Structure formats: structure tokens, C-alpha cells
């Protein structure tokens, strides 16, 4: 993670985020990291405009990873009402307890920076920003890849091992290889 620094997604960093997404043709077929927001099911919508509006209104959270002045990756997080659309929703709701304070829903790393620690830096930055915003219970549903080869395109929410390295614990299995992981983050008043 040497050389990388992290900033929150906001109006000031929006152009950097937009450049990264545009370099990758909208990421995952034009998603713009909107799929987990309430309006994520709207097909044919102006996702770039929707995401920019959410950023402007403070309704989109992400930790952006930079190499110098270039944004090279991100980790999206938010409160459950900001990110209600989750993968494995039925399995999640079947045994749902108290809702978390925060969800981590997706990562993206520039093709030229994969396997260099960008996702881990993004997760660490997201947890720091969550602490600055008041902390609380954080959950995610990463993929367990131990003993098998998985395409990067399926690792939109990273790996269980990466989350465990940053203090998350497996709570329960959601899919064949996906786990709900949780961590309690203490509040802190510092920026990322």
C-alpha cells in the first residue's frame, strides 16, 4: 500500500472518480456504482448523472485510492437506507437481525493497478471514514476464494481474507462462496 493515499468521495474528488469510471467505460457496463442505491434497478437511466447528484447531495460515500494525482480505485460504503439493494438479499433477510450502521457494497480497481494492494487501501480508508462519521457496525458480503481461482470481475466486493485481515469476522454464509462479515468500528474525529 506504499505510495497510495485515500480521500473521501465528495464534490471536490468527483472529477477524479469520474475519470477513473470513464477510463473503464462506466465500469461493469455503465454501472457507475449505482446498482446498490435505491434507484439502481432503473435500466437505461443516466447513472453518471444519478451518481453525481448523490455525491453533490452527500448521499454517496466511497473511499477513493490515489496514486499521486490519479484515482486508481475505490470502496463504496453507506448506511442501509443509502444502499438498500444488496446481493443475496433473500438469504440476508431470512436471518436478518439488527441492521448495521454501515454497508460496504463494492470495490473497483483500475486494470493497471490490480494485485497491488489498492482494494486493501480502499477498505482501510473506508473504515477510517466510517470512524470519522461516527463509527458503528459495518457489514459486507465478500467472496471466499480459498482453494479456487476466481475472475476479478466476480470480486466486486473483494475477498473474505482481505476483510478478515482488517478485523472482520464471518457472521454467516449467504451464498455458495459469499459470507456476511461484520466489524464494530469506534468513532473517531479524523479525516482519511
Protein backbone atom coordinates (compact mmCIF):
# COMPACT_ATOMS: atom_id res chain seq x y z
CA UNK A 1 0.00 0.00 0.00
CA UNK A 2 3.06 2.23 -0.06
CA UNK A 3 2.57 5.34 -2.15
CA UNK A 4 -1.23 5.24 -2.12
CA UNK A 5 -3.33 7.80 -0.30
CA UNK A 6 -7.09 7.85 0.27
CA UNK A 7 -9.66 10.64 0.07
CA UNK A 8 -13.44 10.54 0.54
CA UNK A 9 -15.73 10.83 -2.48
CA UNK A 10 -17.21 14.33 -2.45
CA UNK A 11 -17.75 17.26 -4.82
CA UNK A 12 -14.02 18.04 -4.78
CA UNK A 13 -12.96 14.48 -5.69
CA UNK A 14 -15.87 13.79 -8.06
CA UNK A 15 -13.83 14.67 -11.21
CA UNK A 16 -11.13 12.16 -10.17
CA UNK A 17 -13.74 9.43 -9.58
CA UNK A 18 -15.45 10.25 -12.90
CA UNK A 19 -12.15 9.99 -14.80
CA UNK A 20 -11.50 6.52 -13.38
CA UNK A 21 -15.01 5.32 -14.25
CA UNK A 22 -14.83 6.82 -17.75
CA UNK A 23 -11.43 5.16 -18.37
CA UNK A 24 -13.23 1.86 -17.83
CA UNK A 25 -16.33 2.64 -19.92
CA UNK A 26 -18.62 3.23 -16.95
CA UNK A 27 -17.35 0.16 -15.03
CA UNK A 28 -19.30 -3.09 -15.34
CA UNK A 29 -21.34 -1.97 -18.33
CA UNK A 30 -22.09 1.56 -17.15
CA UNK A 31 -22.90 0.86 -13.51
CA UNK A 32 -21.22 3.99 -12.11
CA UNK A 33 -21.51 2.22 -8.73
CA UNK A 34 -25.27 2.88 -8.66
CA UNK A 35 -26.55 -0.70 -8.52
CA UNK A 36 -26.84 -0.82 -4.71
CA UNK A 37 -28.59 2.58 -4.36
CA UNK A 38 -32.43 2.65 -4.29
CA UNK A 39 -32.62 3.74 -7.93
CA UNK A 40 -30.14 1.06 -9.02
CA UNK A 41 -32.84 -1.07 -10.66
CA UNK A 42 -33.69 1.68 -13.18
CA UNK A 43 -32.41 0.39 -16.50
CA UNK A 44 -31.48 2.95 -19.15
CA UNK A 45 -31.17 5.72 -16.56
CA UNK A 46 -28.43 8.35 -16.62
CA UNK A 47 -26.31 6.60 -14.00
CA UNK A 48 -23.49 9.12 -14.25
CA UNK A 49 -25.94 11.94 -13.55
CA UNK A 50 -27.59 9.99 -10.74
CA UNK A 51 -24.24 9.29 -9.07
CA UNK A 52 -23.08 12.88 -9.43
CA UNK A 53 -26.36 14.10 -7.90
CA UNK A 54 -25.95 11.74 -4.95
CA UNK A 55 -22.38 12.94 -4.41
CA UNK A 56 -23.48 16.57 -4.57
CA UNK A 57 -26.27 15.82 -2.02
CA UNK A 58 -23.95 13.88 0.32
CA UNK A 59 -25.83 10.63 -0.39
CA UNK A 60 -22.93 8.63 -1.84
CA UNK A 61 -19.93 7.51 0.18
CA UNK A 62 -16.69 5.98 -1.01
CA UNK A 63 -13.02 5.87 -0.16
CA UNK A 64 -11.03 6.80 -3.28
CA UNK A 65 -7.47 5.50 -3.60
CA UNK A 66 -4.94 7.73 -5.34
CA UNK A 67 -1.51 7.12 -6.78
CA UNK A 68 -0.21 10.67 -6.90
CA UNK A 69 -2.98 12.73 -8.50
CA UNK A 70 -4.65 9.78 -10.24
CA UNK A 71 -7.63 7.95 -8.74
CA UNK A 72 -6.93 4.22 -9.16
CA UNK A 73 -9.65 2.54 -7.12
CA UNK A 74 -12.49 2.85 -4.66
CA UNK A 75 -14.56 1.18 -1.96
CA UNK A 76 -18.24 2.17 -1.76
CA UNK A 77 -19.94 2.25 1.65
CA UNK A 78 -23.07 3.80 3.13
CA UNK A 79 -25.94 3.42 5.55
CA UNK A 80 -28.55 0.73 4.74
CA UNK A 81 -31.08 3.33 3.53
CA UNK A 82 -28.43 4.72 1.14
CA UNK A 83 -27.52 1.21 -0.09
CA UNK A 84 -30.61 -0.99 0.38
CA UNK A 85 -30.08 -3.17 -2.70
CA UNK A 86 -27.68 -5.95 -1.77
CA UNK A 87 -26.60 -9.23 -3.33
CA UNK A 88 -28.05 -12.33 -1.68
CA UNK A 89 -30.94 -10.21 -0.36
CA UNK A 90 -33.28 -13.16 0.25
CA UNK A 91 -30.67 -15.16 2.21
CA UNK A 92 -29.73 -11.99 4.08
CA UNK A 93 -33.33 -11.16 5.07
CA UNK A 94 -34.15 -14.75 6.13
CA UNK A 95 -31.89 -14.47 9.16
CA UNK A 96 -31.62 -10.70 9.49
CA UNK A 97 -31.14 -9.31 12.93
CA UNK A 98 -30.38 -5.71 13.77
CA UNK A 99 -29.49 -3.72 10.67
CA UNK A 100 -25.90 -2.49 10.51
CA UNK A 101 -24.94 1.14 10.72
CA UNK A 102 -22.90 0.82 7.51
CA UNK A 103 -22.59 -1.46 4.49
CA UNK A 104 -19.64 -1.93 2.18
CA UNK A 105 -21.07 -2.92 -1.20
CA UNK A 106 -18.40 -2.75 -3.88
CA UNK A 107 -14.81 -2.12 -4.89
CA UNK A 108 -13.21 -1.24 -8.17
CA UNK A 109 -9.52 -1.16 -9.07
CA UNK A 110 -8.04 0.28 -12.25
CA UNK A 111 -6.85 -2.56 -14.53
CA UNK A 112 -3.26 -1.28 -14.39
CA UNK A 113 -3.25 -1.39 -10.55
CA UNK A 114 -4.75 -4.79 -9.76
CA UNK A 115 -2.92 -7.05 -7.29
CA UNK A 116 -1.00 -4.10 -5.81
CA UNK A 117 -2.99 -3.54 -2.59
CA UNK A 118 -5.43 -0.91 -3.88
CA UNK A 119 -8.54 -2.74 -2.61
CA UNK A 120 -6.96 -3.20 0.84
CA UNK A 121 -6.06 0.52 0.92
CA UNK A 122 -9.64 1.36 -0.10
CA UNK A 123 -11.11 -0.81 2.67
CA UNK A 124 -8.78 0.72 5.25
CA UNK A 125 -9.76 4.19 4.02
CA UNK A 126 -13.47 3.36 4.14
CA UNK A 127 -13.15 2.15 7.73
CA UNK A 128 -11.29 5.34 8.66
CA UNK A 129 -14.01 7.46 7.08
CA UNK A 130 -16.73 5.41 8.82
CA UNK A 131 -14.93 6.06 12.13
CA UNK A 132 -14.82 9.79 11.35
CA UNK A 133 -18.56 9.72 10.54
CA UNK A 134 -19.44 8.18 13.91
CA UNK A 135 -18.48 4.51 13.63
CA UNK A 136 -20.78 1.60 14.34
CA UNK A 137 -21.39 -1.87 12.98
CA UNK A 138 -20.10 -2.42 9.44
CA UNK A 139 -21.04 -5.37 7.27
CA UNK A 140 -20.22 -6.66 3.82
CA UNK A 141 -20.60 -9.82 1.73
CA UNK A 142 -17.22 -10.69 0.19
CA UNK A 143 -16.28 -13.86 -1.67
CA UNK A 144 -14.34 -16.75 -0.14
CA UNK A 145 -11.79 -17.67 -2.82
CA UNK A 146 -9.62 -20.05 -0.82
CA UNK A 147 -8.62 -23.04 -2.92
CA UNK A 148 -10.16 -21.79 -6.17
CA UNK A 149 -9.38 -19.37 -8.97
CA UNK A 150 -11.90 -16.54 -9.43
CA UNK A 151 -12.04 -13.88 -12.12
CA UNK A 152 -11.51 -10.32 -10.88
CA UNK A 153 -14.85 -9.38 -12.45
CA UNK A 154 -16.63 -11.54 -9.85
CA UNK A 155 -14.79 -9.95 -6.94
CA UNK A 156 -16.78 -6.68 -6.93
CA UNK A 157 -16.88 -6.98 -3.13
CA UNK A 158 -13.34 -8.30 -2.67
CA UNK A 159 -12.37 -11.38 -0.67
CA UNK A 160 -13.19 -12.69 2.78
CA UNK A 161 -9.46 -12.98 3.51
CA UNK A 162 -8.92 -9.25 2.86
CA UNK A 163 -11.77 -8.34 5.21
CA UNK A 164 -10.51 -10.75 7.89
CA UNK A 165 -7.05 -9.14 7.66
CA UNK A 166 -8.72 -5.86 8.64
CA UNK A 167 -10.58 -7.30 11.64
CA UNK A 168 -13.88 -8.50 10.19
CA UNK A 169 -15.42 -11.78 11.35
CA UNK A 170 -17.62 -14.16 9.39
CA UNK A 171 -21.19 -13.92 10.63
CA UNK A 172 -22.97 -16.36 8.31
CA UNK A 173 -22.85 -17.78 4.82
CA UNK A 174 -25.09 -16.07 2.25
CA UNK A 175 -24.31 -17.95 -0.95
CA UNK A 176 -22.17 -20.84 -2.07
CA UNK A 177 -18.97 -18.77 -1.63
CA UNK A 178 -20.19 -15.49 -0.13
CA UNK A 179 -20.17 -14.63 3.55
CA UNK A 180 -21.66 -11.87 5.63
CA UNK A 181 -18.78 -10.34 7.57
CA UNK A 182 -19.04 -7.73 10.32
CA UNK A 183 -16.86 -5.43 12.34
CA UNK A 184 -17.53 -2.82 15.02
CA UNK A 185 -15.78 0.49 14.26
CA UNK A 186 -15.17 3.00 17.02
CA UNK A 187 -15.95 6.67 16.35
CA UNK A 188 -13.01 8.91 15.60
CA UNK A 189 -12.77 12.54 14.59
CA UNK A 190 -10.01 12.41 11.98
CA UNK A 191 -10.10 12.56 8.19
CA UNK A 192 -8.88 9.89 5.79
